[in-house]
Amino acid sequence: MRWKTLALGLTLTLLAAAPLAAADQYTVDPVHSFVGFSVRHLAVSWVKGEFKEFSGEILYDSEDISRSSVSVRIKAASLDTRNERRNNHLKSPDFFSVEQFPEITFQSKRVEKRGDGYVAIGDLTIRGITREIELPFTLAGPVTGPDGHPRLGAEAATTINRLDFEVSWNRALEGGGLVVGDDAKIEIQVEAIGPEPPPAPAQ
């Protein structure tokens, strides 16, 4: 009986792992990728910025994309809005508090097919606060790059409320309204590099 129980347990473990067997790991290529954001300023314009340093992995299942997953890590101090004074303020405790919270992360929990694209549902962590968000995305590829590695493209965009992560500094305007809007638009464009294909068998 004991051996039958062990055999059944091993069989169930292998069956549970089987869907992941078809997934290939792709590594985000930061040279050909972009992670950006934009926030309302004075209720009349948008301040745009980007994070210069980030890394990530995509587990891509070509047979069933809903079995895929994504993990991203962003260095908060790498933000750039093309203005040093504004950058320093954004890095301060008023906003991202980058010394205390050096990383922004996203880890998907599941992927759903919706319309012509997909949605990665997962945990976004900013300032040590984690909230579940939905990140709609589309895919391109894979294609074979000049180095022989497959390349996968993904584009994603969503809007979050910065107050949910205690990125809460603001100031009222004399005529009404606030200096900084609450909603932050996130834009992501990724090119990821897959594993080198196995060599062709010798003839």
N, C-alpha and C. Protein backbone atom coordinates (compact mmCIF):
# COMPACT_ATOMS: atom_id res chain seq x y z
N MET A 1 0.83 -1.20 0.00
CA MET A 1 0.00 0.00 0.00
C MET A 1 0.88 1.27 0.00
N ARG A 2 1.94 1.21 0.81
CA ARG A 2 2.82 2.38 0.90
C ARG A 2 3.45 2.70 -0.45
N TRP A 3 3.90 1.63 -1.16
CA TRP A 3 4.53 1.87 -2.45
C TRP A 3 3.52 2.39 -3.47
N LYS A 4 2.27 1.91 -3.38
CA LYS A 4 1.24 2.40 -4.30
C LYS A 4 0.96 3.88 -4.05
N THR A 5 0.95 4.26 -2.75
CA THR A 5 0.73 5.67 -2.42
C THR A 5 1.86 6.55 -2.94
N LEU A 6 3.13 6.07 -2.80
CA LEU A 6 4.26 6.83 -3.30
C LEU A 6 4.21 6.96 -4.82
N ALA A 7 3.85 5.85 -5.48
CA ALA A 7 3.78 5.87 -6.94
C ALA A 7 2.70 6.82 -7.43
N LEU A 8 1.54 6.81 -6.73
CA LEU A 8 0.46 7.73 -7.10
C LEU A 8 0.89 9.18 -6.90
N GLY A 9 1.58 9.44 -5.78
CA GLY A 9 2.05 10.79 -5.51
C GLY A 9 3.03 11.26 -6.57
N LEU A 10 3.95 10.38 -6.98
CA LEU A 10 4.92 10.73 -8.02
C LEU A 10 4.23 10.99 -9.35
N THR A 11 3.23 10.18 -9.66
CA THR A 11 2.49 10.36 -10.92
C THR A 11 1.78 11.70 -10.95
N LEU A 12 1.12 12.06 -9.83
CA LEU A 12 0.41 13.34 -9.76
C LEU A 12 1.38 14.51 -9.86
N THR A 13 2.57 14.37 -9.25
CA THR A 13 3.58 15.43 -9.33
C THR A 13 4.04 15.64 -10.76
N LEU A 14 4.26 14.54 -11.48
CA LEU A 14 4.71 14.64 -12.87
C LEU A 14 3.62 15.24 -13.75
N LEU A 15 2.37 14.88 -13.47
CA LEU A 15 1.27 15.44 -14.26
C LEU A 15 1.12 16.92 -14.01
N ALA A 16 1.31 17.33 -12.75
CA ALA A 16 1.21 18.75 -12.43
C ALA A 16 2.31 19.55 -13.08
N ALA A 17 3.50 18.96 -13.20
CA ALA A 17 4.64 19.66 -13.80
C ALA A 17 4.59 19.64 -15.32
N ALA A 18 3.81 18.75 -15.90
CA ALA A 18 3.80 18.58 -17.36
C ALA A 18 3.47 19.84 -18.12
N PRO A 19 2.46 20.66 -17.69
CA PRO A 19 2.15 21.87 -18.47
C PRO A 19 3.30 22.85 -18.54
N LEU A 20 4.19 22.84 -17.53
CA LEU A 20 5.31 23.77 -17.54
C LEU A 20 6.45 23.31 -18.42
N ALA A 21 6.41 22.02 -18.79
CA ALA A 21 7.53 21.47 -19.55
C ALA A 21 7.69 22.16 -20.90
N ALA A 22 6.55 22.64 -21.48
CA ALA A 22 6.61 23.26 -22.80
C ALA A 22 7.05 24.72 -22.74
N ALA A 23 7.18 25.28 -21.53
CA ALA A 23 7.52 26.69 -21.39
C ALA A 23 9.02 26.91 -21.55
N ASP A 24 9.37 27.92 -22.35
CA ASP A 24 10.77 28.32 -22.51
C ASP A 24 11.01 29.61 -21.74
N GLN A 25 12.20 29.72 -21.14
CA GLN A 25 12.51 30.94 -20.40
C GLN A 25 13.17 31.96 -21.30
N TYR A 26 12.58 33.15 -21.32
CA TYR A 26 13.11 34.29 -22.06
C TYR A 26 13.58 35.33 -21.05
N THR A 27 14.71 35.95 -21.34
CA THR A 27 15.28 36.97 -20.47
C THR A 27 15.12 38.34 -21.12
N VAL A 28 14.59 39.29 -20.37
CA VAL A 28 14.37 40.64 -20.90
C VAL A 28 15.69 41.27 -21.31
N ASP A 29 15.73 41.80 -22.53
CA ASP A 29 16.90 42.49 -23.05
C ASP A 29 16.72 43.99 -22.81
N PRO A 30 17.37 44.57 -21.79
CA PRO A 30 17.13 45.98 -21.46
C PRO A 30 17.55 46.95 -22.56
N VAL A 31 18.46 46.53 -23.43
CA VAL A 31 18.92 47.40 -24.51
C VAL A 31 17.80 47.67 -25.50
N HIS A 32 16.89 46.70 -25.65
CA HIS A 32 15.79 46.84 -26.61
C HIS A 32 14.43 46.86 -25.91
N SER A 33 14.40 47.33 -24.69
CA SER A 33 13.15 47.37 -23.93
C SER A 33 12.98 48.74 -23.27
N PHE A 34 11.75 49.01 -22.82
CA PHE A 34 11.42 50.31 -22.26
C PHE A 34 10.37 50.13 -21.17
N VAL A 35 10.58 50.79 -20.03
CA VAL A 35 9.59 50.82 -18.94
C VAL A 35 9.36 52.28 -18.60
N GLY A 36 8.18 52.79 -18.91
CA GLY A 36 7.91 54.20 -18.73
C GLY A 36 6.65 54.48 -17.93
N PHE A 37 6.48 55.73 -17.53
CA PHE A 37 5.30 56.15 -16.78
C PHE A 37 4.98 57.60 -17.12
N SER A 38 3.76 58.00 -16.87
CA SER A 38 3.36 59.39 -17.06
C SER A 38 2.28 59.74 -16.04
N VAL A 39 2.35 60.98 -15.53
CA VAL A 39 1.44 61.46 -14.49
C VAL A 39 1.01 62.89 -14.84
N ARG A 40 -0.23 63.22 -14.56
CA ARG A 40 -0.73 64.56 -14.79
C ARG A 40 0.02 65.59 -13.95
N HIS A 41 0.32 66.74 -14.56
CA HIS A 41 0.99 67.84 -13.85
C HIS A 41 0.15 69.10 -13.98
N LEU A 42 -0.25 69.67 -12.84
CA LEU A 42 -1.05 70.90 -12.80
C LEU A 42 -2.37 70.76 -13.54
N ALA A 43 -2.80 69.52 -13.76
CA ALA A 43 -4.07 69.20 -14.42
C ALA A 43 -4.12 69.67 -15.88
N VAL A 44 -2.96 70.05 -16.45
CA VAL A 44 -2.99 70.54 -17.83
C VAL A 44 -2.02 69.80 -18.75
N SER A 45 -1.07 69.05 -18.18
CA SER A 45 -0.08 68.37 -19.03
C SER A 45 0.33 67.06 -18.37
N TRP A 46 1.23 66.35 -19.04
CA TRP A 46 1.72 65.07 -18.52
C TRP A 46 3.23 65.13 -18.33
N VAL A 47 3.69 64.68 -17.18
CA VAL A 47 5.12 64.47 -16.97
C VAL A 47 5.42 63.01 -17.30
N LYS A 48 6.38 62.81 -18.19
CA LYS A 48 6.73 61.45 -18.61
C LYS A 48 8.12 61.09 -18.09
N GLY A 49 8.30 59.84 -17.78
CA GLY A 49 9.60 59.37 -17.31
C GLY A 49 9.79 57.91 -17.65
N GLU A 50 10.96 57.41 -17.34
CA GLU A 50 11.25 55.99 -17.57
C GLU A 50 12.22 55.50 -16.51
N PHE A 51 12.27 54.20 -16.36
CA PHE A 51 13.25 53.55 -15.51
C PHE A 51 14.33 52.97 -16.41
N LYS A 52 15.58 53.32 -16.14
CA LYS A 52 16.70 52.93 -17.00
C LYS A 52 17.24 51.53 -16.70
N GLU A 53 17.05 51.06 -15.47
CA GLU A 53 17.64 49.77 -15.07
C GLU A 53 16.54 48.83 -14.59
N PHE A 54 16.45 47.70 -15.26
CA PHE A 54 15.45 46.69 -14.90
C PHE A 54 15.87 45.34 -15.48
N SER A 55 15.27 44.30 -14.97
CA SER A 55 15.52 42.94 -15.46
C SER A 55 14.24 42.15 -15.34
N GLY A 56 14.18 41.02 -16.02
CA GLY A 56 12.97 40.21 -15.93
C GLY A 56 13.08 38.93 -16.72
N GLU A 57 12.16 38.03 -16.42
CA GLU A 57 12.09 36.76 -17.12
C GLU A 57 10.65 36.49 -17.54
N ILE A 58 10.51 35.86 -18.68
CA ILE A 58 9.21 35.42 -19.16
C ILE A 58 9.27 33.92 -19.38
N LEU A 59 8.39 33.18 -18.75
CA LEU A 59 8.22 31.76 -19.06
C LEU A 59 7.12 31.68 -20.10
N TYR A 60 7.50 31.35 -21.32
CA TYR A 60 6.58 31.43 -22.46
C TYR A 60 6.19 30.03 -22.91
N ASP A 61 4.89 29.75 -22.85
CA ASP A 61 4.36 28.47 -23.31
C ASP A 61 3.65 28.71 -24.63
N SER A 62 4.28 28.32 -25.73
CA SER A 62 3.74 28.61 -27.05
C SER A 62 2.46 27.83 -27.33
N GLU A 63 2.27 26.70 -26.66
CA GLU A 63 1.07 25.89 -26.88
C GLU A 63 -0.13 26.43 -26.13
N ASP A 64 0.10 27.08 -25.01
CA ASP A 64 -0.99 27.66 -24.22
C ASP A 64 -0.42 28.86 -23.47
N ILE A 65 -0.61 30.03 -24.04
CA ILE A 65 -0.02 31.24 -23.47
C ILE A 65 -0.55 31.53 -22.07
N SER A 66 -1.75 31.04 -21.77
CA SER A 66 -2.29 31.24 -20.42
C SER A 66 -1.47 30.54 -19.35
N ARG A 67 -0.60 29.62 -19.75
CA ARG A 67 0.30 28.97 -18.80
C ARG A 67 1.62 29.73 -18.65
N SER A 68 1.78 30.81 -19.36
CA SER A 68 3.00 31.60 -19.29
C SER A 68 3.01 32.46 -18.02
N SER A 69 4.17 33.03 -17.72
CA SER A 69 4.28 33.90 -16.55
C SER A 69 5.38 34.93 -16.81
N VAL A 70 5.39 35.99 -15.98
CA VAL A 70 6.39 37.03 -16.12
C VAL A 70 6.80 37.53 -14.75
N SER A 71 8.08 37.85 -14.63
CA SER A 71 8.63 38.41 -13.39
C SER A 71 9.54 39.57 -13.77
N VAL A 72 9.35 40.73 -13.12
CA VAL A 72 10.12 41.92 -13.47
C VAL A 72 10.62 42.60 -12.19
N ARG A 73 11.86 43.08 -12.24
CA ARG A 73 12.46 43.83 -11.14
C ARG A 73 13.02 45.14 -11.69
N ILE A 74 12.64 46.25 -11.06
CA ILE A 74 13.03 47.58 -11.52
C ILE A 74 13.80 48.29 -10.41
N LYS A 75 14.93 48.90 -10.75
CA LYS A 75 15.67 49.72 -9.79
C LYS A 75 15.02 51.10 -9.72
N ALA A 76 14.39 51.38 -8.58
CA ALA A 76 13.63 52.62 -8.45
C ALA A 76 14.51 53.85 -8.66
N ALA A 77 15.76 53.79 -8.23
CA ALA A 77 16.66 54.94 -8.33
C ALA A 77 17.07 55.25 -9.77
N SER A 78 16.72 54.37 -10.70
CA SER A 78 17.11 54.59 -12.10
C SER A 78 16.08 55.44 -12.86
N LEU A 79 15.08 55.96 -12.17
CA LEU A 79 14.06 56.75 -12.85
C LEU A 79 14.67 58.02 -13.45
N ASP A 80 14.12 58.44 -14.56
CA ASP A 80 14.62 59.62 -15.26
C ASP A 80 13.46 60.35 -15.92
N THR A 81 13.26 61.62 -15.55
CA THR A 81 12.23 62.45 -16.17
C THR A 81 12.83 63.63 -16.93
N ARG A 82 14.14 63.57 -17.19
CA ARG A 82 14.87 64.61 -17.93
C ARG A 82 14.97 65.92 -17.16
N ASN A 83 14.86 65.83 -15.83
CA ASN A 83 15.01 67.01 -14.99
C ASN A 83 15.58 66.55 -13.66
N GLU A 84 16.82 66.96 -13.36
CA GLU A 84 17.50 66.44 -12.17
C GLU A 84 16.77 66.79 -10.88
N ARG A 85 16.29 68.01 -10.78
CA ARG A 85 15.59 68.42 -9.56
C ARG A 85 14.34 67.57 -9.34
N ARG A 86 13.59 67.36 -10.41
CA ARG A 86 12.37 66.54 -10.30
C ARG A 86 12.73 65.08 -10.00
N ASN A 87 13.79 64.59 -10.64
CA ASN A 87 14.23 63.21 -10.37
C ASN A 87 14.54 63.03 -8.88
N ASN A 88 15.27 63.98 -8.32
CA ASN A 88 15.66 63.87 -6.91
C ASN A 88 14.43 63.90 -6.00
N HIS A 89 13.44 64.71 -6.36
CA HIS A 89 12.22 64.76 -5.55
C HIS A 89 11.47 63.42 -5.64
N LEU A 90 11.40 62.86 -6.84
CA LEU A 90 10.72 61.57 -7.00
C LEU A 90 11.43 60.45 -6.25
N LYS A 91 12.74 60.54 -6.10
CA LYS A 91 13.49 59.51 -5.39
C LYS A 91 13.38 59.66 -3.87
N SER A 92 12.91 60.81 -3.41
CA SER A 92 12.86 61.12 -1.98
C SER A 92 11.69 60.39 -1.31
N PRO A 93 11.62 60.45 0.04
CA PRO A 93 10.50 59.84 0.76
C PRO A 93 9.13 60.39 0.37
N ASP A 94 9.07 61.57 -0.26
CA ASP A 94 7.79 62.10 -0.72
C ASP A 94 7.14 61.20 -1.77
N PHE A 95 7.98 60.48 -2.53
CA PHE A 95 7.46 59.64 -3.60
C PHE A 95 7.96 58.20 -3.44
N PHE A 96 9.01 57.82 -4.16
CA PHE A 96 9.42 56.41 -4.20
C PHE A 96 10.31 55.99 -3.03
N SER A 97 10.93 56.94 -2.34
CA SER A 97 11.79 56.62 -1.20
C SER A 97 12.77 55.50 -1.57
N VAL A 98 13.61 55.78 -2.56
CA VAL A 98 14.40 54.72 -3.19
C VAL A 98 15.48 54.13 -2.28
N GLU A 99 15.94 54.87 -1.30
CA GLU A 99 16.94 54.31 -0.40
C GLU A 99 16.33 53.23 0.49
N GLN A 100 15.12 53.45 0.92
CA GLN A 100 14.45 52.46 1.77
C GLN A 100 13.82 51.34 0.96
N PHE A 101 13.35 51.67 -0.25
CA PHE A 101 12.67 50.69 -1.10
C PHE A 101 13.32 50.71 -2.49
N PRO A 102 14.46 50.05 -2.64
CA PRO A 102 15.24 50.17 -3.88
C PRO A 102 14.63 49.48 -5.10
N GLU A 103 13.68 48.56 -4.89
CA GLU A 103 13.15 47.81 -6.03
C GLU A 103 11.64 47.95 -6.16
N ILE A 104 11.20 48.00 -7.41
CA ILE A 104 9.80 47.86 -7.78
C ILE A 104 9.69 46.51 -8.49
N THR A 105 8.72 45.69 -8.11
CA THR A 105 8.63 44.36 -8.70
C THR A 105 7.22 44.06 -9.18
N PHE A 106 7.16 43.18 -10.17
CA PHE A 106 5.88 42.62 -10.61
C PHE A 106 6.06 41.14 -10.82
N GLN A 107 5.15 40.35 -10.23
CA GLN A 107 5.16 38.90 -10.40
C GLN A 107 3.76 38.44 -10.78
N SER A 108 3.64 37.88 -11.97
CA SER A 108 2.31 37.43 -12.41
C SER A 108 1.88 36.19 -11.63
N LYS A 109 0.57 36.07 -11.44
CA LYS A 109 -0.01 34.90 -10.80
C LYS A 109 -0.78 34.03 -11.79
N ARG A 110 -1.31 34.68 -12.82
CA ARG A 110 -1.98 33.94 -13.89
C ARG A 110 -2.09 34.83 -15.12
N VAL A 111 -2.34 34.21 -16.26
CA VAL A 111 -2.52 34.93 -17.52
C VAL A 111 -3.85 34.50 -18.12
N GLU A 112 -4.64 35.47 -18.56
CA GLU A 112 -5.94 35.19 -19.14
C GLU A 112 -6.01 35.74 -20.56
N LYS A 113 -6.68 34.99 -21.45
CA LYS A 113 -6.93 35.46 -22.81
C LYS A 113 -8.16 36.36 -22.80
N ARG A 114 -8.02 37.56 -23.35
CA ARG A 114 -9.13 38.48 -23.45
C ARG A 114 -9.09 39.17 -24.80
N GLY A 115 -10.11 38.96 -25.61
CA GLY A 115 -10.17 39.58 -26.93
C GLY A 115 -8.98 39.16 -27.79
N ASP A 116 -8.33 40.16 -28.39
CA ASP A 116 -7.17 39.88 -29.25
C ASP A 116 -5.86 39.80 -28.46
N GLY A 117 -5.92 40.04 -27.17
CA GLY A 117 -4.68 40.03 -26.38
C GLY A 117 -4.83 39.20 -25.13
N TYR A 118 -3.99 39.51 -24.17
CA TYR A 118 -3.95 38.75 -22.92
C TYR A 118 -3.83 39.74 -21.75
N VAL A 119 -4.08 39.23 -20.56
CA VAL A 119 -3.94 40.03 -19.35
C VAL A 119 -3.13 39.22 -18.34
N ALA A 120 -2.03 39.81 -17.87
CA ALA A 120 -1.26 39.21 -16.79
C ALA A 120 -1.78 39.79 -15.48
N ILE A 121 -2.27 38.93 -14.62
CA ILE A 121 -2.80 39.34 -13.33
C ILE A 121 -1.77 38.95 -12.26
N GLY A 122 -1.30 39.92 -11.50
CA GLY A 122 -0.25 39.60 -10.55
C GLY A 122 -0.03 40.69 -9.54
N ASP A 123 1.04 40.55 -8.78
CA ASP A 123 1.35 41.44 -7.67
C ASP A 123 2.39 42.48 -8.07
N LEU A 124 2.00 43.75 -7.94
CA LEU A 124 2.91 44.87 -8.14
C LEU A 124 3.30 45.40 -6.76
N THR A 125 4.61 45.55 -6.53
CA THR A 125 5.10 46.04 -5.25
C THR A 125 5.87 47.33 -5.44
N ILE A 126 5.41 48.39 -4.80
CA ILE A 126 6.06 49.69 -4.81
C ILE A 126 6.12 50.19 -3.37
N ARG A 127 7.28 50.68 -2.94
CA ARG A 127 7.47 51.16 -1.56
C ARG A 127 7.13 50.07 -0.54
N GLY A 128 7.37 48.81 -0.92
CA GLY A 128 7.10 47.71 0.00
C GLY A 128 5.64 47.36 0.13
N ILE A 129 4.77 47.99 -0.65
CA ILE A 129 3.33 47.73 -0.61
C ILE A 129 2.94 46.95 -1.86
N THR A 130 2.23 45.85 -1.66
CA THR A 130 1.87 44.97 -2.76
C THR A 130 0.38 45.06 -3.04
N ARG A 131 0.05 45.27 -4.30
CA ARG A 131 -1.35 45.28 -4.74
C ARG A 131 -1.47 44.41 -6.00
N GLU A 132 -2.59 43.72 -6.11
CA GLU A 132 -2.84 42.95 -7.33
C GLU A 132 -3.34 43.89 -8.42
N ILE A 133 -2.73 43.78 -9.60
CA ILE A 133 -3.14 44.61 -10.73
C ILE A 133 -3.36 43.72 -11.95
N GLU A 134 -4.03 44.28 -12.94
CA GLU A 134 -4.19 43.63 -14.24
C GLU A 134 -3.35 44.38 -15.26
N LEU A 135 -2.54 43.64 -16.01
CA LEU A 135 -1.64 44.24 -16.99
C LEU A 135 -1.95 43.67 -18.37
N PRO A 136 -2.79 44.36 -19.16
CA PRO A 136 -3.09 43.88 -20.51
C PRO A 136 -1.84 43.93 -21.40
N PHE A 137 -1.67 42.92 -22.24
CA PHE A 137 -0.49 42.91 -23.11
C PHE A 137 -0.78 42.17 -24.41
N THR A 138 0.05 42.47 -25.41
CA THR A 138 0.03 41.76 -26.68
C THR A 138 1.43 41.21 -26.93
N LEU A 139 1.49 40.18 -27.75
CA LEU A 139 2.77 39.52 -28.04
C LEU A 139 3.11 39.62 -29.51
N ALA A 140 4.40 39.59 -29.81
CA ALA A 140 4.91 39.52 -31.17
C ALA A 140 6.03 38.48 -31.22
N GLY A 141 6.04 37.67 -32.25
CA GLY A 141 7.06 36.63 -32.35
C GLY A 141 6.56 35.31 -31.79
N PRO A 142 7.50 34.45 -31.46
CA PRO A 142 8.96 34.63 -31.51
C PRO A 142 9.51 34.63 -32.94
N VAL A 143 10.66 35.27 -33.08
CA VAL A 143 11.44 35.23 -34.31
C VAL A 143 12.87 34.86 -33.94
N THR A 144 13.62 34.42 -34.92
CA THR A 144 15.02 34.07 -34.68
C THR A 144 15.91 35.29 -34.93
N GLY A 145 16.67 35.69 -33.90
CA GLY A 145 17.55 36.83 -34.02
C GLY A 145 18.84 36.49 -34.77
N PRO A 146 19.66 37.51 -35.05
CA PRO A 146 20.92 37.28 -35.77
C PRO A 146 21.87 36.31 -35.05
N ASP A 147 21.73 36.23 -33.72
CA ASP A 147 22.61 35.34 -32.97
C ASP A 147 22.08 33.92 -32.87
N GLY A 148 20.95 33.67 -33.51
CA GLY A 148 20.37 32.33 -33.48
C GLY A 148 19.41 32.09 -32.34
N HIS A 149 19.31 33.03 -31.40
CA HIS A 149 18.39 32.88 -30.28
C HIS A 149 17.00 33.38 -30.69
N PRO A 150 15.96 32.74 -30.20
CA PRO A 150 14.62 33.26 -30.46
C PRO A 150 14.40 34.56 -29.70
N ARG A 151 13.60 35.45 -30.26
CA ARG A 151 13.28 36.74 -29.64
C ARG A 151 11.77 36.88 -29.58
N LEU A 152 11.31 37.36 -28.42
CA LEU A 152 9.88 37.53 -28.18
C LEU A 152 9.61 38.98 -27.82
N GLY A 153 8.57 39.55 -28.40
CA GLY A 153 8.20 40.93 -28.10
C GLY A 153 6.90 40.99 -27.32
N ALA A 154 6.79 41.95 -26.41
CA ALA A 154 5.56 42.15 -25.66
C ALA A 154 5.36 43.64 -25.41
N GLU A 155 4.12 44.09 -25.52
CA GLU A 155 3.76 45.48 -25.21
C GLU A 155 2.63 45.44 -24.20
N ALA A 156 2.74 46.27 -23.16
CA ALA A 156 1.74 46.30 -22.11
C ALA A 156 1.50 47.72 -21.65
N ALA A 157 0.29 47.98 -21.19
CA ALA A 157 -0.04 49.30 -20.65
C ALA A 157 -1.17 49.16 -19.65
N THR A 158 -1.11 49.94 -18.59
CA THR A 158 -2.18 49.96 -17.60
C THR A 158 -2.10 51.28 -16.84
N THR A 159 -3.09 51.53 -16.01
CA THR A 159 -3.12 52.72 -15.16
C THR A 159 -3.33 52.29 -13.72
N ILE A 160 -2.52 52.84 -12.82
CA ILE A 160 -2.66 52.55 -11.40
C ILE A 160 -2.88 53.85 -10.65
N ASN A 161 -3.42 53.75 -9.44
CA ASN A 161 -3.54 54.90 -8.56
C ASN A 161 -2.34 54.90 -7.63
N ARG A 162 -1.52 55.94 -7.71
CA ARG A 162 -0.28 55.96 -6.93
C ARG A 162 -0.54 55.99 -5.43
N LEU A 163 -1.72 56.47 -5.03
CA LEU A 163 -2.05 56.53 -3.61
C LEU A 163 -2.18 55.12 -3.00
N ASP A 164 -2.49 54.13 -3.85
CA ASP A 164 -2.59 52.75 -3.37
C ASP A 164 -1.25 52.25 -2.84
N PHE A 165 -0.16 52.90 -3.27
CA PHE A 165 1.19 52.49 -2.86
C PHE A 165 1.86 53.54 -1.98
N GLU A 166 1.05 54.45 -1.45
CA GLU A 166 1.52 55.52 -0.57
C GLU A 166 2.56 56.42 -1.23
N VAL A 167 2.47 56.55 -2.54
CA VAL A 167 3.24 57.56 -3.26
C VAL A 167 2.32 58.79 -3.30
N SER A 168 2.26 59.50 -2.20
CA SER A 168 1.11 60.36 -1.94
C SER A 168 1.38 61.86 -1.88
N TRP A 169 2.62 62.32 -2.08
CA TRP A 169 2.89 63.75 -1.97
C TRP A 169 2.03 64.55 -2.95
N ASN A 170 1.56 65.71 -2.51
CA ASN A 170 0.83 66.59 -3.40
C ASN A 170 0.77 67.99 -2.81
N ARG A 171 0.26 68.92 -3.59
CA ARG A 171 0.09 70.29 -3.14
C ARG A 171 -1.09 70.90 -3.88
N ALA A 172 -1.94 71.62 -3.13
CA ALA A 172 -3.11 72.23 -3.75
C ALA A 172 -2.73 73.48 -4.52
N LEU A 173 -3.44 73.73 -5.61
CA LEU A 173 -3.25 74.93 -6.41
C LEU A 173 -4.22 76.02 -5.93
N GLU A 174 -3.82 77.27 -6.09
CA GLU A 174 -4.66 78.38 -5.62
C GLU A 174 -6.02 78.39 -6.30
N GLY A 175 -6.04 78.06 -7.57
CA GLY A 175 -7.30 78.10 -8.30
C GLY A 175 -8.08 76.80 -8.24
N GLY A 176 -7.63 75.88 -7.40
CA GLY A 176 -8.27 74.57 -7.32
C GLY A 176 -7.46 73.52 -8.06
N GLY A 177 -7.62 72.30 -7.66
CA GLY A 177 -6.86 71.21 -8.27
C GLY A 177 -5.57 70.94 -7.51
N LEU A 178 -4.80 70.00 -8.02
CA LEU A 178 -3.57 69.56 -7.37
C LEU A 178 -2.40 69.59 -8.34
N VAL A 179 -1.19 69.67 -7.78
CA VAL A 179 0.02 69.71 -8.61
C VAL A 179 0.20 68.40 -9.36
N VAL A 180 -0.01 67.27 -8.68
CA VAL A 180 0.23 65.95 -9.27
C VAL A 180 -1.06 65.15 -9.30
N GLY A 181 -1.36 64.53 -10.43
CA GLY A 181 -2.53 63.68 -10.53
C GLY A 181 -2.33 62.37 -9.78
N ASP A 182 -3.44 61.74 -9.40
CA ASP A 182 -3.36 60.48 -8.66
C ASP A 182 -3.07 59.29 -9.57
N ASP A 183 -3.58 59.32 -10.79
CA ASP A 183 -3.40 58.19 -11.70
C ASP A 183 -2.05 58.25 -12.40
N ALA A 184 -1.41 57.11 -12.47
CA ALA A 184 -0.13 56.97 -13.18
C ALA A 184 -0.29 55.95 -14.29
N LYS A 185 0.02 56.37 -15.50
CA LYS A 185 -0.01 55.45 -16.64
C LYS A 185 1.33 54.73 -16.74
N ILE A 186 1.26 53.42 -16.94
CA ILE A 186 2.47 52.61 -17.09
C ILE A 186 2.51 52.06 -18.51
N GLU A 187 3.67 52.18 -19.14
CA GLU A 187 3.86 51.68 -20.50
C GLU A 187 5.11 50.81 -20.54
N ILE A 188 4.97 49.62 -21.09
CA ILE A 188 6.09 48.67 -21.14
C ILE A 188 6.23 48.12 -22.55
N GLN A 189 7.43 48.16 -23.05
CA GLN A 189 7.77 47.53 -24.34
C GLN A 189 8.99 46.64 -24.10
N VAL A 190 8.84 45.38 -24.40
CA VAL A 190 9.87 44.41 -24.03
C VAL A 190 10.30 43.59 -25.24
N GLU A 191 11.60 43.38 -25.34
CA GLU A 191 12.16 42.36 -26.21
C GLU A 191 12.92 41.39 -25.32
N ALA A 192 12.61 40.11 -25.44
CA ALA A 192 13.21 39.12 -24.56
C ALA A 192 13.90 38.04 -25.39
N ILE A 193 15.00 37.53 -24.86
CA ILE A 193 15.85 36.57 -25.55
C ILE A 193 15.61 35.18 -24.99
N GLY A 194 15.33 34.24 -25.88
CA GLY A 194 15.08 32.87 -25.46
C GLY A 194 16.32 32.01 -25.50
N PRO A 195 16.16 30.74 -25.15
CA PRO A 195 17.31 29.83 -25.12
C PRO A 195 17.82 29.51 -26.51
N GLU A 196 19.11 29.25 -26.60
CA GLU A 196 19.70 28.88 -27.88
C GLU A 196 19.16 27.53 -28.30
N PRO A 197 18.70 27.41 -29.55
CA PRO A 197 18.15 26.12 -29.98
C PRO A 197 19.24 25.05 -29.97
N PRO A 198 18.84 23.80 -29.75
CA PRO A 198 19.83 22.71 -29.76
C PRO A 198 20.44 22.55 -31.14
N PRO A 199 21.70 22.11 -31.21
CA PRO A 199 22.33 21.90 -32.51
C PRO A 199 21.64 20.82 -33.32
N ALA A 200 21.66 21.00 -34.62
CA ALA A 200 21.05 20.00 -35.49
C ALA A 200 21.79 18.68 -35.37
N PRO A 201 21.08 17.57 -35.40
CA PRO A 201 21.76 16.27 -35.30
C PRO A 201 22.72 16.04 -36.46
N ALA A 202 23.82 15.40 -36.17
CA ALA A 202 24.81 15.09 -37.20
C ALA A 202 24.22 14.14 -38.23
N GLN A 203 24.55 14.39 -39.46
CA GLN A 203 24.08 13.52 -40.54
C GLN A 203 24.96 12.28 -40.68
